[in-house]
Amino acid sequence: MTKRTNINKLLYIVIFFAQISLAQEKAPWADLSLEERQILQQLEPQWENLSAERQQRLRRGANRFQLMQPTERSQARDQQQRFQSLSQQEQQVINQRFQRFNGLSRPDQRRLRNVQRRYQNMSQAQRSRLRKQFEQQLLRQSNSRANQDEATRSAQDQQRIRDVIRQNQDVLRQNRNQTPQVRPQTLQRPNATRPPPPPPR
């Protein structure tokens, strides 16, 4: 019985890894469904050069697009056009944010989407008030960081001064130890030379 369960487990593992390897293989353009090809038609010339992971993401996006309502589709098209009109640097920033978002856990992604939805439902006055609060918070954080940096620099300067004083004291001690100590009593004053007395007249 245990031998049979081990064989079954091994079979499941083989099937699992086979599915993973299939999922990571590139999909030829001809293997895409008609709907996927219609949605992704702009990418056909470069499709073969895309990584397997990127192809899978695009196919998932195309499948989500098929399930959208007409108004959602038009919004998605508008967003895509706005994205393509951005500069290369702006597109890169958005892609980095998107990758960070994808790196979050599902609950965190849900929380962020809820925050965005609430923000979209706010009035223009509420949005500008929230934006001002956010900017003030950023400014406070920036000032706090600047103060911390200044305090750190001041502490480092004081430490350097203490180090220099300590080094000088060490040098003075070494010099005192090396020079012979002369007692003040043994010191003799040099004879003051007086001018000779004038000759008698």
N, C-alpha and C. Protein backbone atom coordinates (compact mmCIF):
# COMPACT_ATOMS: atom_id res chain seq x y z
N MET A 1 0.82 -1.20 0.00
CA MET A 1 0.00 0.00 0.00
C MET A 1 0.87 1.27 0.00
N THR A 2 1.92 1.27 0.86
CA THR A 2 2.79 2.45 0.92
C THR A 2 3.56 2.62 -0.38
N LYS A 3 3.90 1.49 -1.02
CA LYS A 3 4.61 1.58 -2.30
C LYS A 3 3.72 2.26 -3.34
N ARG A 4 2.44 1.94 -3.31
CA ARG A 4 1.50 2.52 -4.27
C ARG A 4 1.33 4.02 -4.01
N THR A 5 1.23 4.41 -2.73
CA THR A 5 1.09 5.84 -2.42
C THR A 5 2.35 6.60 -2.82
N ASN A 6 3.52 5.99 -2.65
CA ASN A 6 4.77 6.64 -3.06
C ASN A 6 4.80 6.85 -4.57
N ILE A 7 4.31 5.86 -5.31
CA ILE A 7 4.27 5.98 -6.77
C ILE A 7 3.31 7.10 -7.17
N ASN A 8 2.16 7.16 -6.48
CA ASN A 8 1.19 8.22 -6.77
C ASN A 8 1.78 9.60 -6.48
N LYS A 9 2.48 9.72 -5.35
CA LYS A 9 3.12 10.99 -5.01
C LYS A 9 4.14 11.38 -6.07
N LEU A 10 4.94 10.40 -6.50
CA LEU A 10 5.94 10.66 -7.52
C LEU A 10 5.29 11.10 -8.82
N LEU A 11 4.18 10.46 -9.17
CA LEU A 11 3.45 10.82 -10.39
C LEU A 11 2.94 12.26 -10.31
N TYR A 12 2.38 12.64 -9.15
CA TYR A 12 1.90 14.01 -8.97
C TYR A 12 3.03 15.02 -9.09
N ILE A 13 4.18 14.69 -8.52
CA ILE A 13 5.32 15.59 -8.59
C ILE A 13 5.78 15.78 -10.04
N VAL A 14 5.84 14.67 -10.79
CA VAL A 14 6.24 14.74 -12.20
C VAL A 14 5.26 15.60 -12.98
N ILE A 15 3.95 15.39 -12.75
CA ILE A 15 2.94 16.19 -13.46
C ILE A 15 3.07 17.67 -13.10
N PHE A 16 3.29 17.93 -11.81
CA PHE A 16 3.42 19.32 -11.35
C PHE A 16 4.57 20.02 -12.03
N PHE A 17 5.76 19.38 -12.06
CA PHE A 17 6.91 20.01 -12.69
C PHE A 17 6.76 20.09 -14.20
N ALA A 18 6.06 19.16 -14.79
CA ALA A 18 5.81 19.23 -16.23
C ALA A 18 4.94 20.43 -16.55
N GLN A 19 3.93 20.70 -15.69
CA GLN A 19 3.07 21.86 -15.91
C GLN A 19 3.86 23.15 -15.77
N ILE A 20 4.75 23.20 -14.78
CA ILE A 20 5.56 24.41 -14.58
C ILE A 20 6.44 24.65 -15.80
N SER A 21 7.08 23.59 -16.30
CA SER A 21 7.96 23.78 -17.46
C SER A 21 7.16 24.19 -18.69
N LEU A 22 5.94 23.67 -18.83
CA LEU A 22 5.10 24.08 -19.96
C LEU A 22 4.69 25.54 -19.81
N ALA A 23 4.40 25.94 -18.58
CA ALA A 23 3.97 27.32 -18.34
C ALA A 23 5.10 28.30 -18.63
N GLN A 24 6.36 27.86 -18.51
CA GLN A 24 7.48 28.76 -18.72
C GLN A 24 7.98 28.75 -20.16
N GLU A 25 7.41 27.89 -21.00
CA GLU A 25 7.83 27.86 -22.40
C GLU A 25 7.15 29.00 -23.15
N LYS A 26 7.83 29.48 -24.19
CA LYS A 26 7.26 30.53 -25.02
C LYS A 26 6.10 29.96 -25.84
N ALA A 27 5.12 30.81 -26.05
CA ALA A 27 3.95 30.39 -26.85
C ALA A 27 4.07 31.01 -28.23
N PRO A 28 4.08 30.20 -29.28
CA PRO A 28 4.10 30.78 -30.63
C PRO A 28 2.82 31.59 -30.88
N TRP A 29 2.93 32.58 -31.74
CA TRP A 29 1.78 33.46 -32.03
C TRP A 29 0.58 32.64 -32.52
N ALA A 30 0.84 31.60 -33.29
CA ALA A 30 -0.25 30.79 -33.85
C ALA A 30 -1.02 30.03 -32.77
N ASP A 31 -0.38 29.80 -31.60
CA ASP A 31 -1.06 29.06 -30.52
C ASP A 31 -2.03 29.93 -29.72
N LEU A 32 -1.98 31.24 -29.92
CA LEU A 32 -2.90 32.12 -29.20
C LEU A 32 -4.30 31.99 -29.76
N SER A 33 -5.28 32.20 -28.92
CA SER A 33 -6.67 32.15 -29.38
C SER A 33 -6.94 33.36 -30.28
N LEU A 34 -8.02 33.30 -31.03
CA LEU A 34 -8.37 34.39 -31.94
C LEU A 34 -8.57 35.69 -31.15
N GLU A 35 -9.24 35.60 -30.00
CA GLU A 35 -9.47 36.80 -29.18
C GLU A 35 -8.16 37.37 -28.66
N GLU A 36 -7.25 36.49 -28.21
CA GLU A 36 -5.95 36.96 -27.72
C GLU A 36 -5.18 37.66 -28.84
N ARG A 37 -5.21 37.08 -30.04
CA ARG A 37 -4.48 37.69 -31.16
C ARG A 37 -5.08 39.05 -31.53
N GLN A 38 -6.40 39.17 -31.46
CA GLN A 38 -7.03 40.45 -31.79
C GLN A 38 -6.62 41.53 -30.77
N ILE A 39 -6.61 41.13 -29.50
CA ILE A 39 -6.27 42.10 -28.46
C ILE A 39 -4.79 42.46 -28.51
N LEU A 40 -3.94 41.48 -28.78
CA LEU A 40 -2.49 41.68 -28.75
C LEU A 40 -1.89 41.91 -30.14
N GLN A 41 -2.70 42.24 -31.13
CA GLN A 41 -2.22 42.32 -32.51
C GLN A 41 -1.05 43.29 -32.70
N GLN A 42 -0.98 44.36 -31.89
CA GLN A 42 0.14 45.31 -32.03
C GLN A 42 1.48 44.67 -31.66
N LEU A 43 1.43 43.61 -30.86
CA LEU A 43 2.66 42.96 -30.40
C LEU A 43 3.11 41.81 -31.31
N GLU A 44 2.35 41.51 -32.33
CA GLU A 44 2.68 40.36 -33.18
C GLU A 44 4.10 40.41 -33.74
N PRO A 45 4.59 41.56 -34.26
CA PRO A 45 5.95 41.57 -34.82
C PRO A 45 7.04 41.22 -33.80
N GLN A 46 6.83 41.59 -32.53
CA GLN A 46 7.88 41.34 -31.53
C GLN A 46 7.53 40.18 -30.60
N TRP A 47 6.43 39.48 -30.86
CA TRP A 47 5.97 38.43 -29.95
C TRP A 47 7.02 37.36 -29.69
N GLU A 48 7.69 36.90 -30.75
CA GLU A 48 8.66 35.81 -30.61
C GLU A 48 9.87 36.23 -29.77
N ASN A 49 10.15 37.54 -29.71
CA ASN A 49 11.32 38.03 -28.95
C ASN A 49 11.01 38.27 -27.48
N LEU A 50 9.73 38.23 -27.10
CA LEU A 50 9.36 38.45 -25.70
C LEU A 50 9.69 37.22 -24.87
N SER A 51 9.99 37.46 -23.58
CA SER A 51 10.27 36.33 -22.68
C SER A 51 8.98 35.54 -22.44
N ALA A 52 9.13 34.29 -22.01
CA ALA A 52 7.96 33.45 -21.74
C ALA A 52 7.10 34.07 -20.64
N GLU A 53 7.76 34.64 -19.63
CA GLU A 53 7.01 35.26 -18.52
C GLU A 53 6.18 36.44 -19.02
N ARG A 54 6.79 37.27 -19.88
CA ARG A 54 6.07 38.44 -20.42
C ARG A 54 4.91 37.98 -21.29
N GLN A 55 5.12 36.94 -22.09
CA GLN A 55 4.03 36.42 -22.93
C GLN A 55 2.87 35.94 -22.05
N GLN A 56 3.18 35.24 -20.98
CA GLN A 56 2.13 34.75 -20.08
C GLN A 56 1.36 35.91 -19.45
N ARG A 57 2.09 36.95 -19.02
CA ARG A 57 1.42 38.11 -18.42
C ARG A 57 0.49 38.79 -19.43
N LEU A 58 0.98 38.94 -20.66
CA LEU A 58 0.16 39.58 -21.69
C LEU A 58 -1.08 38.75 -22.01
N ARG A 59 -0.93 37.45 -22.03
CA ARG A 59 -2.10 36.59 -22.30
C ARG A 59 -3.10 36.68 -21.17
N ARG A 60 -2.61 36.73 -19.92
CA ARG A 60 -3.54 36.89 -18.79
C ARG A 60 -4.27 38.23 -18.88
N GLY A 61 -3.52 39.28 -19.27
CA GLY A 61 -4.15 40.59 -19.43
C GLY A 61 -5.19 40.59 -20.53
N ALA A 62 -4.89 39.89 -21.62
CA ALA A 62 -5.85 39.80 -22.73
C ALA A 62 -7.11 39.06 -22.28
N ASN A 63 -6.93 38.01 -21.48
CA ASN A 63 -8.09 37.27 -20.98
C ASN A 63 -8.93 38.14 -20.04
N ARG A 64 -8.26 38.94 -19.19
CA ARG A 64 -9.00 39.86 -18.32
C ARG A 64 -9.76 40.89 -19.15
N PHE A 65 -9.11 41.35 -20.24
CA PHE A 65 -9.73 42.36 -21.11
C PHE A 65 -11.02 41.81 -21.72
N GLN A 66 -11.01 40.52 -22.07
CA GLN A 66 -12.21 39.91 -22.66
C GLN A 66 -13.38 39.91 -21.68
N LEU A 67 -13.07 39.80 -20.38
CA LEU A 67 -14.13 39.73 -19.36
C LEU A 67 -14.64 41.11 -18.95
N MET A 68 -14.01 42.18 -19.43
CA MET A 68 -14.40 43.53 -19.04
C MET A 68 -15.69 43.97 -19.72
N GLN A 69 -16.35 44.91 -19.05
CA GLN A 69 -17.52 45.57 -19.64
C GLN A 69 -17.04 46.58 -20.69
N PRO A 70 -17.88 46.98 -21.63
CA PRO A 70 -17.44 47.95 -22.67
C PRO A 70 -16.85 49.24 -22.10
N THR A 71 -17.44 49.78 -21.01
CA THR A 71 -16.89 51.02 -20.44
C THR A 71 -15.50 50.77 -19.85
N GLU A 72 -15.32 49.61 -19.21
CA GLU A 72 -14.01 49.27 -18.64
C GLU A 72 -12.97 49.11 -19.75
N ARG A 73 -13.40 48.53 -20.87
CA ARG A 73 -12.49 48.36 -22.01
C ARG A 73 -12.03 49.71 -22.55
N SER A 74 -12.97 50.65 -22.68
CA SER A 74 -12.59 51.96 -23.21
C SER A 74 -11.65 52.68 -22.24
N GLN A 75 -11.89 52.51 -20.93
CA GLN A 75 -10.97 53.10 -19.94
C GLN A 75 -9.58 52.48 -20.07
N ALA A 76 -9.54 51.16 -20.25
CA ALA A 76 -8.25 50.48 -20.38
C ALA A 76 -7.51 50.96 -21.63
N ARG A 77 -8.25 51.14 -22.73
CA ARG A 77 -7.62 51.64 -23.96
C ARG A 77 -7.08 53.06 -23.76
N ASP A 78 -7.86 53.89 -23.08
CA ASP A 78 -7.41 55.26 -22.81
C ASP A 78 -6.13 55.26 -21.97
N GLN A 79 -6.12 54.41 -20.96
CA GLN A 79 -4.92 54.33 -20.11
C GLN A 79 -3.71 53.88 -20.92
N GLN A 80 -3.93 52.91 -21.80
CA GLN A 80 -2.84 52.42 -22.64
C GLN A 80 -2.31 53.52 -23.55
N GLN A 81 -3.22 54.31 -24.13
CA GLN A 81 -2.79 55.40 -25.01
C GLN A 81 -2.03 56.47 -24.22
N ARG A 82 -2.52 56.78 -23.01
CA ARG A 82 -1.82 57.77 -22.17
C ARG A 82 -0.42 57.26 -21.82
N PHE A 83 -0.33 55.96 -21.51
CA PHE A 83 0.96 55.37 -21.17
C PHE A 83 1.93 55.47 -22.34
N GLN A 84 1.45 55.18 -23.54
CA GLN A 84 2.32 55.21 -24.71
C GLN A 84 2.75 56.63 -25.07
N SER A 85 1.96 57.63 -24.66
CA SER A 85 2.32 59.02 -24.96
C SER A 85 3.35 59.57 -23.97
N LEU A 86 3.63 58.83 -22.89
CA LEU A 86 4.61 59.28 -21.89
C LEU A 86 6.03 59.10 -22.40
N SER A 87 6.95 59.81 -21.77
CA SER A 87 8.37 59.65 -22.12
C SER A 87 8.86 58.28 -21.64
N GLN A 88 10.01 57.89 -22.14
CA GLN A 88 10.59 56.59 -21.77
C GLN A 88 10.85 56.52 -20.26
N GLN A 89 11.32 57.63 -19.69
CA GLN A 89 11.63 57.67 -18.27
C GLN A 89 10.36 57.53 -17.43
N GLU A 90 9.29 58.22 -17.84
CA GLU A 90 8.02 58.13 -17.10
C GLU A 90 7.45 56.71 -17.19
N GLN A 91 7.56 56.11 -18.36
CA GLN A 91 7.09 54.72 -18.51
C GLN A 91 7.87 53.79 -17.59
N GLN A 92 9.17 54.04 -17.48
CA GLN A 92 10.01 53.19 -16.63
C GLN A 92 9.60 53.31 -15.17
N VAL A 93 9.30 54.55 -14.72
CA VAL A 93 8.85 54.76 -13.34
C VAL A 93 7.55 54.00 -13.08
N ILE A 94 6.62 54.08 -14.03
CA ILE A 94 5.33 53.39 -13.88
C ILE A 94 5.55 51.88 -13.85
N ASN A 95 6.42 51.37 -14.71
CA ASN A 95 6.70 49.93 -14.73
C ASN A 95 7.31 49.47 -13.41
N GLN A 96 8.20 50.29 -12.83
CA GLN A 96 8.80 49.94 -11.54
C GLN A 96 7.74 49.90 -10.45
N ARG A 97 6.83 50.88 -10.46
CA ARG A 97 5.74 50.87 -9.47
C ARG A 97 4.86 49.64 -9.64
N PHE A 98 4.60 49.30 -10.89
CA PHE A 98 3.76 48.14 -11.18
C PHE A 98 4.43 46.86 -10.66
N GLN A 99 5.74 46.76 -10.87
CA GLN A 99 6.47 45.58 -10.39
C GLN A 99 6.46 45.51 -8.87
N ARG A 100 6.62 46.68 -8.21
CA ARG A 100 6.55 46.70 -6.75
C ARG A 100 5.17 46.27 -6.27
N PHE A 101 4.13 46.73 -6.97
CA PHE A 101 2.77 46.35 -6.61
C PHE A 101 2.59 44.84 -6.76
N ASN A 102 3.09 44.28 -7.85
CA ASN A 102 2.97 42.83 -8.07
C ASN A 102 3.76 42.03 -7.04
N GLY A 103 4.79 42.65 -6.46
CA GLY A 103 5.57 41.97 -5.43
C GLY A 103 4.89 41.93 -4.08
N LEU A 104 3.80 42.70 -3.91
CA LEU A 104 3.08 42.71 -2.63
C LEU A 104 2.23 41.46 -2.48
N SER A 105 1.88 41.17 -1.24
CA SER A 105 0.98 40.05 -0.98
C SER A 105 -0.43 40.42 -1.46
N ARG A 106 -1.28 39.42 -1.65
CA ARG A 106 -2.66 39.67 -2.11
C ARG A 106 -3.43 40.61 -1.17
N PRO A 107 -3.35 40.41 0.17
CA PRO A 107 -4.08 41.34 1.06
C PRO A 107 -3.59 42.79 0.92
N ASP A 108 -2.27 42.96 0.77
CA ASP A 108 -1.74 44.32 0.61
C ASP A 108 -2.19 44.94 -0.71
N GLN A 109 -2.23 44.13 -1.77
CA GLN A 109 -2.72 44.63 -3.06
C GLN A 109 -4.18 45.05 -2.94
N ARG A 110 -4.98 44.23 -2.25
CA ARG A 110 -6.40 44.55 -2.05
C ARG A 110 -6.55 45.86 -1.28
N ARG A 111 -5.73 46.02 -0.23
CA ARG A 111 -5.78 47.23 0.58
C ARG A 111 -5.45 48.46 -0.26
N LEU A 112 -4.41 48.35 -1.10
CA LEU A 112 -4.04 49.48 -1.95
C LEU A 112 -5.13 49.82 -2.96
N ARG A 113 -5.75 48.79 -3.52
CA ARG A 113 -6.84 49.04 -4.47
C ARG A 113 -8.00 49.75 -3.78
N ASN A 114 -8.30 49.35 -2.55
CA ASN A 114 -9.38 50.00 -1.80
C ASN A 114 -9.05 51.46 -1.53
N VAL A 115 -7.79 51.74 -1.18
CA VAL A 115 -7.38 53.12 -0.95
C VAL A 115 -7.53 53.94 -2.23
N GLN A 116 -7.12 53.34 -3.35
CA GLN A 116 -7.22 54.06 -4.63
C GLN A 116 -8.69 54.32 -4.97
N ARG A 117 -9.55 53.33 -4.73
CA ARG A 117 -10.98 53.49 -5.02
C ARG A 117 -11.57 54.62 -4.18
N ARG A 118 -11.20 54.65 -2.88
CA ARG A 118 -11.70 55.72 -2.01
C ARG A 118 -11.22 57.08 -2.50
N TYR A 119 -9.95 57.12 -2.94
CA TYR A 119 -9.39 58.38 -3.44
C TYR A 119 -10.15 58.83 -4.70
N GLN A 120 -10.45 57.90 -5.60
CA GLN A 120 -11.18 58.23 -6.83
C GLN A 120 -12.57 58.76 -6.53
N ASN A 121 -13.18 58.28 -5.45
CA ASN A 121 -14.54 58.70 -5.10
C ASN A 121 -14.58 60.02 -4.32
N MET A 122 -13.43 60.57 -3.97
CA MET A 122 -13.39 61.84 -3.23
C MET A 122 -13.69 63.01 -4.16
N SER A 123 -14.17 64.09 -3.54
CA SER A 123 -14.37 65.32 -4.31
C SER A 123 -13.01 65.95 -4.58
N GLN A 124 -12.99 66.93 -5.50
CA GLN A 124 -11.73 67.59 -5.85
C GLN A 124 -11.14 68.30 -4.64
N ALA A 125 -11.99 68.91 -3.81
CA ALA A 125 -11.51 69.61 -2.62
C ALA A 125 -10.87 68.64 -1.63
N GLN A 126 -11.50 67.48 -1.44
CA GLN A 126 -10.95 66.47 -0.54
C GLN A 126 -9.61 65.97 -1.05
N ARG A 127 -9.52 65.76 -2.35
CA ARG A 127 -8.26 65.28 -2.93
C ARG A 127 -7.14 66.29 -2.72
N SER A 128 -7.42 67.58 -2.97
CA SER A 128 -6.36 68.59 -2.81
C SER A 128 -5.96 68.71 -1.34
N ARG A 129 -6.94 68.59 -0.41
CA ARG A 129 -6.61 68.65 1.02
C ARG A 129 -5.72 67.47 1.40
N LEU A 130 -6.06 66.29 0.89
CA LEU A 130 -5.26 65.09 1.18
C LEU A 130 -3.86 65.22 0.59
N ARG A 131 -3.78 65.79 -0.62
CA ARG A 131 -2.48 65.98 -1.26
C ARG A 131 -1.61 66.93 -0.45
N LYS A 132 -2.22 68.02 0.08
CA LYS A 132 -1.47 68.97 0.90
C LYS A 132 -0.97 68.31 2.18
N GLN A 133 -1.82 67.50 2.80
CA GLN A 133 -1.41 66.79 4.02
C GLN A 133 -0.21 65.88 3.73
N PHE A 134 -0.29 65.20 2.59
CA PHE A 134 0.79 64.28 2.20
C PHE A 134 2.08 65.06 1.98
N GLU A 135 2.00 66.20 1.28
CA GLU A 135 3.19 67.01 1.01
C GLU A 135 3.79 67.55 2.31
N GLN A 136 2.92 67.98 3.25
CA GLN A 136 3.41 68.46 4.54
C GLN A 136 4.10 67.34 5.31
N GLN A 137 3.53 66.13 5.23
CA GLN A 137 4.15 64.99 5.92
C GLN A 137 5.52 64.69 5.31
N LEU A 138 5.62 64.75 3.99
CA LEU A 138 6.91 64.52 3.33
C LEU A 138 7.92 65.59 3.74
N LEU A 139 7.46 66.84 3.84
CA LEU A 139 8.34 67.93 4.23
C LEU A 139 8.84 67.73 5.66
N ARG A 140 7.93 67.33 6.57
CA ARG A 140 8.34 67.07 7.96
C ARG A 140 9.36 65.95 8.02
N GLN A 141 9.12 64.89 7.25
CA GLN A 141 10.07 63.77 7.24
C GLN A 141 11.42 64.22 6.70
N SER A 142 11.39 65.05 5.66
CA SER A 142 12.64 65.55 5.07
C SER A 142 13.39 66.42 6.08
N ASN A 143 12.67 67.31 6.78
CA ASN A 143 13.30 68.17 7.79
C ASN A 143 13.86 67.34 8.94
N SER A 144 13.09 66.32 9.33
CA SER A 144 13.55 65.45 10.42
C SER A 144 14.84 64.74 10.03
N ARG A 145 14.89 64.26 8.78
CA ARG A 145 16.10 63.59 8.29
C ARG A 145 17.27 64.57 8.26
N ALA A 146 16.99 65.83 7.83
CA ALA A 146 18.06 66.84 7.77
C ALA A 146 18.57 67.14 9.18
N ASN A 147 17.65 67.24 10.15
CA ASN A 147 18.07 67.49 11.54
C ASN A 147 18.90 66.33 12.07
N GLN A 148 18.48 65.12 11.76
CA GLN A 148 19.25 63.95 12.21
C GLN A 148 20.64 63.94 11.58
N ASP A 149 20.69 64.29 10.30
CA ASP A 149 22.00 64.35 9.62
C ASP A 149 22.88 65.41 10.26
N GLU A 150 22.29 66.57 10.58
CA GLU A 150 23.05 67.66 11.20
C GLU A 150 23.56 67.23 12.58
N ALA A 151 22.69 66.58 13.36
CA ALA A 151 23.09 66.10 14.69
C ALA A 151 24.21 65.08 14.57
N THR A 152 24.11 64.19 13.57
CA THR A 152 25.14 63.18 13.35
C THR A 152 26.46 63.85 12.99
N ARG A 153 26.38 64.85 12.07
CA ARG A 153 27.61 65.56 11.68
C ARG A 153 28.23 66.27 12.87
N SER A 154 27.38 66.92 13.70
CA SER A 154 27.88 67.64 14.87
C SER A 154 28.56 66.66 15.84
N ALA A 155 27.92 65.53 16.08
CA ALA A 155 28.51 64.52 16.97
C ALA A 155 29.83 64.00 16.41
N GLN A 156 29.89 63.81 15.09
CA GLN A 156 31.12 63.34 14.46
C GLN A 156 32.23 64.39 14.58
N ASP A 157 31.86 65.68 14.40
CA ASP A 157 32.85 66.75 14.53
C ASP A 157 33.39 66.79 15.96
N GLN A 158 32.50 66.70 16.93
CA GLN A 158 32.93 66.71 18.33
C GLN A 158 33.84 65.53 18.63
N GLN A 159 33.52 64.38 18.08
CA GLN A 159 34.35 63.19 18.30
C GLN A 159 35.73 63.39 17.67
N ARG A 160 35.78 64.00 16.48
CA ARG A 160 37.07 64.27 15.84
C ARG A 160 37.91 65.20 16.69
N ILE A 161 37.26 66.24 17.24
CA ILE A 161 37.99 67.19 18.08
C ILE A 161 38.55 66.47 19.30
N ARG A 162 37.74 65.64 19.94
CA ARG A 162 38.21 64.88 21.11
C ARG A 162 39.38 63.97 20.73
N ASP A 163 39.28 63.34 19.54
CA ASP A 163 40.37 62.46 19.09
C ASP A 163 41.67 63.25 18.89
N VAL A 164 41.57 64.45 18.29
CA VAL A 164 42.75 65.27 18.07
C VAL A 164 43.37 65.69 19.40
N ILE A 165 42.51 66.11 20.35
CA ILE A 165 43.02 66.51 21.68
C ILE A 165 43.71 65.33 22.34
N ARG A 166 43.10 64.16 22.28
CA ARG A 166 43.67 62.96 22.90
C ARG A 166 45.02 62.63 22.26
N GLN A 167 45.10 62.71 20.94
CA GLN A 167 46.36 62.42 20.26
C GLN A 167 47.45 63.43 20.68
N ASN A 168 47.06 64.71 20.77
CA ASN A 168 48.04 65.74 21.19
C ASN A 168 48.50 65.49 22.62
N GLN A 169 47.57 65.10 23.49
CA GLN A 169 47.95 64.81 24.87
C GLN A 169 48.93 63.63 24.91
N ASP A 170 48.68 62.62 24.08
CA ASP A 170 49.59 61.47 24.04
C ASP A 170 50.98 61.90 23.59
N VAL A 171 51.04 62.77 22.58
CA VAL A 171 52.33 63.25 22.09
C VAL A 171 53.04 64.05 23.18
N LEU A 172 52.31 64.90 23.89
CA LEU A 172 52.91 65.69 24.96
C LEU A 172 53.44 64.78 26.07
N ARG A 173 52.69 63.75 26.43
CA ARG A 173 53.15 62.81 27.46
C ARG A 173 54.43 62.12 27.02
N GLN A 174 54.46 61.68 25.75
CA GLN A 174 55.66 61.01 25.24
C GLN A 174 56.86 61.95 25.29
N ASN A 175 56.66 63.22 24.90
CA ASN A 175 57.76 64.19 24.92
C ASN A 175 58.25 64.42 26.35
N ARG A 176 57.32 64.49 27.32
CA ARG A 176 57.71 64.69 28.72
C ARG A 176 58.53 63.51 29.21
N ASN A 177 58.15 62.32 28.81
CA ASN A 177 58.86 61.12 29.25
C ASN A 177 60.25 61.03 28.62
N GLN A 178 60.44 61.58 27.44
CA GLN A 178 61.72 61.46 26.74
C GLN A 178 62.72 62.54 27.16
N THR A 179 62.25 63.76 27.48
CA THR A 179 63.20 64.82 27.83
C THR A 179 63.59 64.67 29.30
N PRO A 180 64.90 64.87 29.63
CA PRO A 180 65.32 64.74 31.04
C PRO A 180 64.71 65.85 31.86
N GLN A 181 64.33 65.46 33.06
CA GLN A 181 63.71 66.43 33.97
C GLN A 181 64.82 67.23 34.66
N VAL A 182 64.76 68.51 34.57
CA VAL A 182 65.75 69.39 35.21
C VAL A 182 65.04 70.11 36.33
N ARG A 183 65.65 70.00 37.52
CA ARG A 183 65.03 70.66 38.67
C ARG A 183 65.32 72.15 38.62
N PRO A 184 64.38 72.95 39.03
CA PRO A 184 64.61 74.40 38.98
C PRO A 184 65.75 74.85 39.86
N GLN A 185 66.08 74.12 41.00
CA GLN A 185 67.15 74.59 41.88
C GLN A 185 68.49 74.50 41.19
N THR A 186 68.67 73.54 40.33
CA THR A 186 69.98 73.36 39.72
C THR A 186 70.22 74.36 38.60
N LEU A 187 69.21 75.04 38.24
CA LEU A 187 69.40 76.02 37.17
C LEU A 187 70.15 77.22 37.75
N GLN A 188 71.15 77.67 37.03
CA GLN A 188 71.91 78.84 37.47
C GLN A 188 71.64 79.99 36.53
N ARG A 189 71.55 81.14 37.16
CA ARG A 189 71.35 82.30 36.32
C ARG A 189 72.69 82.71 35.72
N PRO A 190 72.66 83.05 34.50
CA PRO A 190 73.93 83.52 33.93
C PRO A 190 74.32 84.84 34.59
N ASN A 191 75.68 85.03 34.78
CA ASN A 191 76.17 86.28 35.40
C ASN A 191 75.88 87.43 34.48
N ALA A 192 75.30 88.41 35.09
CA ALA A 192 75.03 89.59 34.30
C ALA A 192 76.34 90.36 34.13
N THR A 193 76.69 90.67 33.00
CA THR A 193 77.95 91.38 32.77
C THR A 193 77.70 92.86 33.00
N ARG A 194 78.45 93.34 33.96
CA ARG A 194 78.35 94.78 34.27
C ARG A 194 79.46 95.50 33.51
N PRO A 195 79.18 96.69 33.13
CA PRO A 195 80.28 97.42 32.47
C PRO A 195 81.38 97.72 33.49
N PRO A 196 82.62 97.71 33.08
CA PRO A 196 83.72 97.98 34.02
C PRO A 196 83.55 99.39 34.64
N PRO A 197 83.98 99.51 35.89
CA PRO A 197 83.85 100.83 36.49
C PRO A 197 84.73 101.84 35.76
N PRO A 198 84.32 103.07 35.80
CA PRO A 198 85.15 104.09 35.09
C PRO A 198 86.52 104.25 35.77
N PRO A 199 87.54 104.58 35.03
CA PRO A 199 88.89 104.73 35.62
C PRO A 199 88.92 105.94 36.58
N PRO A 200 89.72 105.85 37.61
CA PRO A 200 89.79 106.99 38.53
C PRO A 200 90.44 108.18 37.88
N ARG A 201 90.11 109.35 38.36
CA ARG A 201 90.66 110.56 37.78
C ARG A 201 91.74 111.08 38.62
